[in-house]
Amino acid sequence: MTLLQVTGVTKRFGGLVAVGDVSLSVAEGEIVGLIGPNGAGKTTLFNLVSGFLQPDAGDIIFDQHSVVGMAPHDICHRGMSRTFQIVKPFPEMSVLDNVMMGAFKVARKARQAREKAQTVLELLDFSDWAGRRAGDLPVAGRKRLEIAKVLATEPKLILLDEVMAGLTPSEHNRMIDTVRLIRDSGITIVIIEHVMPVIMNLSDRVYVLHHGQMIADGKPAQIANDPVVIEAYFGEEIVP
């Protein structure tokens, strides 16, 4: 079943068309990659899908309901959550308490939120950090915390915005395992990423944005060998 359907979405900022007549679809259980150069419109598209911006044209159907015009927290309550490029934990609070903030979306009492947060930290093999001050976490820990907060909302769909940025190659491998673990738990994922070997090995399908236009979509191997994509973005063939 199609969980997310974006149809003809356009967003203008004055005379600049940041996203122009973009369409994509995401089926339940997929990991879908969204790639493109800096300024291609990827995060703007995420902002549109998650309600932080409203489109000038087009429609966004999530779980069979249009979410155009809805506030981000209402979209979250429908089952869509997202991370952000710039990770901003509550620095003076513990890791556990940070995750509890997400858990209050589904929990009515602090005890329930704490139990939910503990379950998420266990899933992510992050329990040993539960009592640590969030502001003391390294970059990889902050990225993992951001994902934990999102998972605590019990989403159907997660939008991951550059969760690999700033990580070492070994941390990339751990994050890949984390993303696959999330998908295997029944959550659908759309991921923006600039680390091409990661996105090509992780995604079931890939969409490519360039200057706000969707220029290609398909299986990773198709995208890596698409002449239009190579000319516009890669500059050379990429082996998945």
Protein backbone atom coordinates (compact mmCIF):
# COMPACT_ATOMS: atom_id res chain seq x y z
CA MET A 1 0.00 0.00 0.00
CA THR A 2 1.18 3.53 -0.77
CA LEU A 3 1.81 5.33 2.52
CA LEU A 4 2.99 8.68 1.13
CA GLN A 5 1.99 10.23 -2.19
CA VAL A 6 3.35 13.63 -3.21
CA THR A 7 1.74 14.97 -6.39
CA GLY A 8 2.80 18.06 -8.32
CA VAL A 9 4.08 19.92 -5.27
CA THR A 10 5.54 23.40 -5.85
CA LYS A 11 7.04 25.88 -3.39
CA ARG A 12 8.19 29.38 -4.33
CA PHE A 13 10.16 31.88 -2.28
CA GLY A 14 9.59 35.12 -4.15
CA GLY A 15 10.89 34.51 -7.66
CA LEU A 16 12.79 31.37 -6.66
CA VAL A 17 11.13 28.03 -7.31
CA ALA A 18 12.66 25.89 -4.57
CA VAL A 19 10.53 22.84 -5.43
CA GLY A 20 8.81 22.67 -8.80
CA ASP A 21 6.01 20.24 -9.68
CA VAL A 22 7.59 17.39 -7.70
CA SER A 23 5.92 14.01 -7.33
CA LEU A 24 6.99 10.87 -5.48
CA SER A 25 5.46 7.87 -3.79
CA VAL A 26 6.54 5.72 -0.87
CA ALA A 27 5.08 2.28 -0.15
CA GLU A 28 4.72 0.82 3.30
CA GLY A 29 7.92 -0.90 4.46
CA GLU A 30 10.27 0.83 2.02
CA ILE A 31 13.49 2.71 2.57
CA VAL A 32 13.42 5.46 -0.06
CA GLY A 33 16.47 7.65 -0.64
CA LEU A 34 16.28 11.31 -1.66
CA ILE A 35 19.51 12.71 -3.08
CA GLY A 36 20.76 15.77 -4.91
CA PRO A 37 23.36 18.54 -4.65
CA ASN A 38 23.23 21.19 -1.93
CA GLY A 39 20.37 23.58 -2.73
CA ALA A 40 18.48 20.99 -4.77
CA GLY A 41 15.36 21.36 -2.61
CA LYS A 42 15.56 18.18 -0.53
CA THR A 43 15.04 19.69 2.92
CA THR A 44 12.42 22.07 1.52
CA LEU A 45 10.53 19.03 0.29
CA PHE A 46 10.79 17.45 3.75
CA ASN A 47 9.52 20.71 5.26
CA LEU A 48 6.54 20.61 2.92
CA VAL A 49 5.71 16.97 3.60
CA SER A 50 5.97 17.40 7.38
CA GLY A 51 3.94 20.63 7.55
CA PHE A 52 6.69 23.14 8.37
CA LEU A 53 5.99 24.78 5.00
CA GLN A 54 2.81 24.86 2.94
CA PRO A 55 2.94 24.19 -0.83
CA ASP A 56 1.86 26.77 -3.39
CA ALA A 57 0.48 23.94 -5.52
CA GLY A 58 0.03 20.18 -5.42
CA ASP A 59 -1.11 17.68 -2.82
CA ILE A 60 0.49 15.51 -0.14
CA ILE A 61 -1.39 12.36 0.84
CA PHE A 62 -0.20 10.52 3.94
CA ASP A 63 -1.93 7.33 5.04
CA GLN A 64 -4.82 8.09 2.67
CA HIS A 65 -5.43 11.64 3.98
CA SER A 66 -4.25 14.98 2.61
CA VAL A 67 -1.98 16.74 5.10
CA VAL A 68 -1.77 20.03 3.19
CA GLY A 69 -2.65 22.83 5.58
CA MET A 70 -2.06 20.72 8.67
CA ALA A 71 0.35 21.80 11.42
CA PRO A 72 3.47 19.68 12.05
CA HIS A 73 2.21 18.40 15.42
CA ASP A 74 -1.07 17.27 13.82
CA ILE A 75 0.85 15.43 11.09
CA CYS A 76 2.96 13.84 13.83
CA HIS A 77 -0.20 12.64 15.55
CA ARG A 78 -1.20 10.98 12.28
CA GLY A 79 2.03 9.00 12.37
CA MET A 80 4.73 10.94 10.51
CA SER A 81 7.86 12.13 12.33
CA ARG A 82 11.15 13.61 11.19
CA THR A 83 14.69 14.46 12.19
CA PHE A 84 16.51 17.68 11.32
CA GLN A 85 19.94 18.41 9.83
CA ILE A 86 20.90 20.49 12.85
CA VAL A 87 20.40 18.34 15.93
CA LYS A 88 19.16 20.30 18.96
CA PRO A 89 18.66 18.14 22.06
CA PHE A 90 17.58 19.59 25.38
CA PRO A 91 21.22 19.84 26.53
CA GLU A 92 20.70 20.05 30.30
CA MET A 93 18.34 17.06 30.36
CA SER A 94 19.36 13.42 30.38
CA VAL A 95 19.18 11.25 27.28
CA LEU A 96 16.25 9.38 28.80
CA ASP A 97 14.35 12.57 29.58
CA ASN A 98 14.94 13.83 26.03
CA VAL A 99 13.39 10.67 24.60
CA MET A 100 10.50 10.96 27.05
CA MET A 101 9.61 14.27 25.39
CA GLY A 102 8.83 12.34 22.22
CA ALA A 103 7.07 9.59 24.13
CA PHE A 104 4.51 12.03 25.55
CA LYS A 105 2.93 11.99 22.09
CA VAL A 106 1.58 8.53 22.91
CA ALA A 107 1.82 8.43 26.74
CA ARG A 108 -0.51 10.23 29.14
CA LYS A 109 1.56 9.76 32.28
CA ALA A 110 5.25 10.21 33.06
CA ARG A 111 5.61 6.56 34.02
CA GLN A 112 4.29 5.45 30.63
CA ALA A 113 6.54 7.91 28.82
CA ARG A 114 9.55 6.68 30.77
CA GLU A 115 8.77 3.04 29.94
CA LYS A 116 8.35 3.90 26.27
CA ALA A 117 11.62 5.85 26.25
CA GLN A 118 13.47 2.99 27.92
CA THR A 119 12.09 0.54 25.32
CA VAL A 120 13.30 2.77 22.47
CA LEU A 121 16.76 3.15 24.00
CA GLU A 122 17.02 -0.62 24.36
CA LEU A 123 16.01 -1.08 20.72
CA LEU A 124 18.77 1.30 19.63
CA ASP A 125 21.35 -0.24 21.98
CA PHE A 126 21.58 3.15 23.68
CA SER A 127 20.47 2.28 27.22
CA ASP A 128 23.96 2.74 28.67
CA TRP A 129 23.68 6.43 27.80
CA ALA A 130 20.24 6.96 29.39
CA GLY A 131 21.51 8.90 32.39
CA ARG A 132 24.04 11.00 30.47
CA ARG A 133 23.50 14.71 29.98
CA ALA A 134 22.38 15.15 26.36
CA GLY A 135 24.63 18.18 25.89
CA ASP A 136 27.69 15.99 26.56
CA LEU A 137 26.98 13.54 23.73
CA PRO A 138 29.35 13.30 20.75
CA VAL A 139 27.96 13.90 17.26
CA ALA A 140 27.08 10.23 16.69
CA GLY A 141 25.30 10.11 20.04
CA ARG A 142 23.28 13.23 19.25
CA LYS A 143 22.22 11.73 15.92
CA ARG A 144 21.14 8.54 17.68
CA LEU A 145 19.26 10.57 20.29
CA GLU A 146 17.41 12.45 17.55
CA ILE A 147 16.27 9.14 16.07
CA ALA A 148 15.27 7.87 19.52
CA LYS A 149 13.06 10.90 20.12
CA VAL A 150 11.37 10.32 16.78
CA LEU A 151 10.85 6.60 17.42
CA ALA A 152 9.25 7.37 20.78
CA THR A 153 6.33 9.00 18.94
CA GLU A 154 5.43 5.57 17.45
CA PRO A 155 5.52 6.74 13.81
CA LYS A 156 4.40 4.90 10.70
CA LEU A 157 6.78 6.98 8.57
CA ILE A 158 10.08 8.64 9.47
CA LEU A 159 11.81 11.35 7.44
CA LEU A 160 15.56 11.21 8.16
CA ASP A 161 17.48 14.33 7.16
CA GLU A 162 21.22 13.62 6.84
CA VAL A 163 21.61 11.41 9.91
CA MET A 164 25.02 10.29 8.57
CA ALA A 165 26.46 13.83 8.36
CA GLY A 166 29.57 14.28 10.48
CA LEU A 167 29.97 10.58 11.25
CA THR A 168 33.04 8.42 10.72
CA PRO A 169 32.94 5.41 8.36
CA SER A 170 32.53 3.00 11.29
CA GLU A 171 29.71 5.18 12.63
CA HIS A 172 28.13 5.08 9.16
CA ASN A 173 27.99 1.29 9.38
CA ARG A 174 26.34 1.42 12.78
CA MET A 175 23.79 3.96 11.56
CA ILE A 176 23.02 1.80 8.51
CA ASP A 177 22.29 -1.08 10.87
CA THR A 178 20.06 1.24 12.92
CA VAL A 179 18.06 2.38 9.89
CA ARG A 180 17.53 -1.21 8.77
CA LEU A 181 16.50 -2.19 12.29
CA ILE A 182 13.89 0.57 12.27
CA ARG A 183 12.52 -0.59 8.91
CA ASP A 184 12.44 -4.19 10.12
CA SER A 185 10.34 -3.05 13.10
CA GLY A 186 7.63 -2.01 10.63
CA ILE A 187 8.41 1.68 10.06
CA THR A 188 8.70 3.18 6.59
CA ILE A 189 11.65 5.51 5.95
CA VAL A 190 12.53 8.34 3.58
CA ILE A 191 16.14 9.42 3.97
CA ILE A 192 18.12 12.39 2.65
CA GLU A 193 21.82 11.63 2.49
CA HIS A 194 24.99 12.86 0.77
CA VAL A 195 27.11 9.78 1.53
CA MET A 196 26.47 8.04 -1.76
CA PRO A 197 27.78 4.53 -0.98
CA VAL A 198 25.52 4.54 2.08
CA ILE A 199 22.37 5.68 0.30
CA MET A 200 22.91 3.36 -2.64
CA ASN A 201 23.32 0.31 -0.43
CA LEU A 202 20.57 1.24 2.02
CA SER A 203 17.69 2.32 -0.23
CA ASP A 204 15.11 0.19 -2.00
CA ARG A 205 14.49 3.07 -4.40
CA VAL A 206 16.09 6.49 -4.93
CA TYR A 207 14.72 9.85 -6.10
CA VAL A 208 17.03 12.56 -7.41
CA LEU A 209 16.32 16.29 -7.08
CA HIS A 210 18.24 18.93 -9.04
CA HIS A 211 17.40 22.65 -8.95
CA GLY A 212 14.04 21.81 -7.38
CA GLN A 213 13.09 19.37 -10.13
CA MET A 214 12.80 15.59 -9.87
CA ILE A 215 15.15 14.38 -12.59
CA ALA A 216 15.22 10.63 -11.94
CA ASP A 217 13.89 7.81 -9.80
CA GLY A 218 14.46 4.08 -9.69
CA LYS A 219 16.51 1.31 -8.14
CA PRO A 220 19.95 2.34 -6.84
CA ALA A 221 21.77 0.60 -9.71
CA GLN A 222 19.59 2.44 -12.26
CA ILE A 223 20.25 5.79 -10.61
CA ALA A 224 24.01 5.21 -10.37
CA ASN A 225 24.17 4.59 -14.12
CA ASP A 226 21.60 7.14 -15.31
CA PRO A 227 23.38 9.55 -17.72
CA VAL A 228 21.14 12.45 -16.68
CA VAL A 229 21.98 11.93 -13.01
CA ILE A 230 25.68 11.46 -13.72
CA GLU A 231 25.84 14.69 -15.73
CA ALA A 232 23.74 16.76 -13.31
CA TYR A 233 25.06 15.51 -10.01
CA PHE A 234 27.64 12.79 -9.72
CA GLY A 235 30.09 13.76 -12.40
CA GLU A 236 31.10 10.12 -12.67
CA GLU A 237 29.60 6.69 -12.39
CA ILE A 238 28.95 5.46 -8.87
CA VAL A 239 29.11 1.76 -8.11
CA PRO A 240 26.41 0.78 -5.58
